[in-house]
Amino acid sequence: MFGVGGWELFLIFLIVLLVFGAKRLPEIARSLGKATQEFKRAKNEFSNIANEAPSESPSVPPASPAPVASAQNPPKTGSGAPRQ
């Protein structure tokens, strides 16, 4: 568990006991348990939402191709005067 052994956990518990006192220890444990429960609930809710989402992207109509200039009507160039 995160590379923390039995002695390290005991030492952490002892320091918390000395800092906060025996009367506040159950309150701290209760709030830590509630926070862990809320985190798990949020994680599960996020997983459910992610699993319900469609795996494909929404359908977007393809872009229309650019019009092709025909050889019969060449584009006009210049001042607009007819070519000779």
C-alpha atoms as a PDB file:
ATOM      1  CA  MET A   1       0.000   0.000   0.000  1.00  0.00           C
ATOM      2  CA  PHE A   2       1.981   2.967  -1.333  1.00  0.00           C
ATOM      3  CA  GLY A   3       5.191   1.439   0.010  1.00  0.00           C
ATOM      4  CA  VAL A   4       4.205   2.133   3.632  1.00  0.00           C
ATOM      5  CA  GLY A   5       4.846  -0.707   6.048  1.00  0.00           C
ATOM      6  CA  GLY A   6       3.391  -1.534   9.442  1.00  0.00           C
ATOM      7  CA  TRP A   7       5.891   0.508  11.451  1.00  0.00           C
ATOM      8  CA  GLU A   8       5.381   3.564   9.293  1.00  0.00           C
ATOM      9  CA  LEU A   9       1.592   3.342   9.726  1.00  0.00           C
ATOM     10  CA  PHE A  10       2.033   2.984  13.496  1.00  0.00           C
ATOM     11  CA  LEU A  11       4.312   6.016  13.588  1.00  0.00           C
ATOM     12  CA  ILE A  12       1.843   8.093  11.534  1.00  0.00           C
ATOM     13  CA  PHE A  13      -1.023   7.029  13.834  1.00  0.00           C
ATOM     14  CA  LEU A  14       1.042   7.955  16.904  1.00  0.00           C
ATOM     15  CA  ILE A  15       1.894  11.405  15.516  1.00  0.00           C
ATOM     16  CA  VAL A  16      -1.762  12.061  14.622  1.00  0.00           C
ATOM     17  CA  LEU A  17      -2.791  10.953  18.103  1.00  0.00           C
ATOM     18  CA  LEU A  18      -0.287  13.316  19.724  1.00  0.00           C
ATOM     19  CA  VAL A  19      -1.172  16.276  17.495  1.00  0.00           C
ATOM     20  CA  PHE A  20      -4.970  16.043  17.571  1.00  0.00           C
ATOM     21  CA  GLY A  21      -5.613  14.146  20.786  1.00  0.00           C
ATOM     22  CA  ALA A  22      -7.712  11.084  21.576  1.00  0.00           C
ATOM     23  CA  LYS A  23     -11.023  12.993  21.631  1.00  0.00           C
ATOM     24  CA  ARG A  24     -10.741  14.301  18.058  1.00  0.00           C
ATOM     25  CA  LEU A  25      -9.364  11.081  16.552  1.00  0.00           C
ATOM     26  CA  PRO A  26     -12.810   9.438  15.940  1.00  0.00           C
ATOM     27  CA  GLU A  27     -14.072  12.668  14.346  1.00  0.00           C
ATOM     28  CA  ILE A  28     -11.064  12.803  12.027  1.00  0.00           C
ATOM     29  CA  ALA A  29     -11.477   9.139  11.078  1.00  0.00           C
ATOM     30  CA  ARG A  30     -15.182   9.669  10.366  1.00  0.00           C
ATOM     31  CA  SER A  31     -14.545  12.671   8.116  1.00  0.00           C
ATOM     32  CA  LEU A  32     -11.757  10.801   6.327  1.00  0.00           C
ATOM     33  CA  GLY A  33     -14.127   7.868   5.728  1.00  0.00           C
ATOM     34  CA  LYS A  34     -16.828  10.187   4.356  1.00  0.00           C
ATOM     35  CA  ALA A  35     -14.331  11.858   2.048  1.00  0.00           C
ATOM     36  CA  THR A  36     -13.151   8.485   0.760  1.00  0.00           C
ATOM     37  CA  GLN A  37     -16.755   7.387   0.189  1.00  0.00           C
ATOM     38  CA  GLU A  38     -17.560  10.583  -1.746  1.00  0.00           C
ATOM     39  CA  PHE A  39     -14.431  10.133  -3.868  1.00  0.00           C
ATOM     40  CA  LYS A  40     -15.426   6.554  -4.734  1.00  0.00           C
ATOM     41  CA  ARG A  41     -18.987   7.650  -5.558  1.00  0.00           C
ATOM     42  CA  ALA A  42     -17.726  10.411  -7.868  1.00  0.00           C
ATOM     43  CA  LYS A  43     -15.289   8.009  -9.547  1.00  0.00           C
ATOM     44  CA  ASN A  44     -18.043   5.458 -10.167  1.00  0.00           C
ATOM     45  CA  GLU A  45     -20.393   8.137 -11.502  1.00  0.00           C
ATOM     46  CA  PHE A  46     -17.708   9.382 -13.897  1.00  0.00           C
ATOM     47  CA  SER A  47     -17.026   5.801 -15.048  1.00  0.00           C
ATOM     48  CA  ASN A  48     -20.739   5.220 -15.690  1.00  0.00           C
ATOM     49  CA  ILE A  49     -21.027   8.419 -17.714  1.00  0.00           C
ATOM     50  CA  ALA A  50     -17.913   7.563 -19.726  1.00  0.00           C
ATOM     51  CA  ASN A  51     -19.197   4.042 -20.447  1.00  0.00           C
ATOM     52  CA  GLU A  52     -22.635   5.289 -21.551  1.00  0.00           C
ATOM     53  CA  ALA A  53     -21.172   7.784 -24.035  1.00  0.00           C
ATOM     54  CA  PRO A  54     -21.213   6.597 -27.647  1.00  0.00           C
ATOM     55  CA  SER A  55     -17.862   5.380 -28.870  1.00  0.00           C
ATOM     56  CA  GLU A  56     -18.327   6.998 -32.282  1.00  0.00           C
ATOM     57  CA  SER A  57     -18.130  10.706 -32.891  1.00  0.00           C
ATOM     58  CA  PRO A  58     -21.399  12.422 -33.822  1.00  0.00           C
ATOM     59  CA  SER A  59     -22.217  12.216 -37.492  1.00  0.00           C
ATOM     60  CA  VAL A  60     -21.229  15.329 -39.391  1.00  0.00           C
ATOM     61  CA  PRO A  61     -22.298  15.614 -43.017  1.00  0.00           C
ATOM     62  CA  PRO A  62     -19.315  15.554 -45.350  1.00  0.00           C
ATOM     63  CA  ALA A  63     -18.287  18.833 -46.925  1.00  0.00           C
ATOM     64  CA  SER A  64     -19.565  19.352 -50.442  1.00  0.00           C
ATOM     65  CA  PRO A  65     -16.851  19.182 -53.103  1.00  0.00           C
ATOM     66  CA  ALA A  66     -15.756  22.376 -54.818  1.00  0.00           C
ATOM     67  CA  PRO A  67     -17.552  23.035 -58.113  1.00  0.00           C
ATOM     68  CA  VAL A  68     -15.586  22.011 -61.161  1.00  0.00           C
ATOM     69  CA  ALA A  69     -15.156  24.670 -63.860  1.00  0.00           C
ATOM     70  CA  SER A  70     -16.415  23.444 -67.188  1.00  0.00           C
ATOM     71  CA  ALA A  71     -14.441  23.889 -70.408  1.00  0.00           C
ATOM     72  CA  GLN A  72     -17.454  25.438 -72.162  1.00  0.00           C
ATOM     73  CA  ASN A  73     -17.594  28.461 -69.850  1.00  0.00           C
ATOM     74  CA  PRO A  74     -14.022  29.570 -69.091  1.00  0.00           C
ATOM     75  CA  PRO A  75     -13.627  32.066 -66.259  1.00  0.00           C
ATOM     76  CA  LYS A  76     -13.475  35.720 -67.260  1.00  0.00           C
ATOM     77  CA  THR A  77     -10.219  37.556 -66.708  1.00  0.00           C
ATOM     78  CA  GLY A  78      -9.089  41.137 -67.008  1.00  0.00           C
ATOM     79  CA  SER A  79     -11.348  44.165 -67.450  1.00  0.00           C
ATOM     80  CA  GLY A  80     -14.352  42.239 -68.600  1.00  0.00           C
ATOM     81  CA  ALA A  81     -13.812  43.003 -72.282  1.00  0.00           C
ATOM     82  CA  PRO A  82     -14.407  40.088 -74.606  1.00  0.00           C
ATOM     83  CA  ARG A  83     -11.327  38.236 -75.781  1.00  0.00           C
ATOM     84  CA  GLN A  84     -10.356  38.229 -79.440  1.00  0.00           C
END
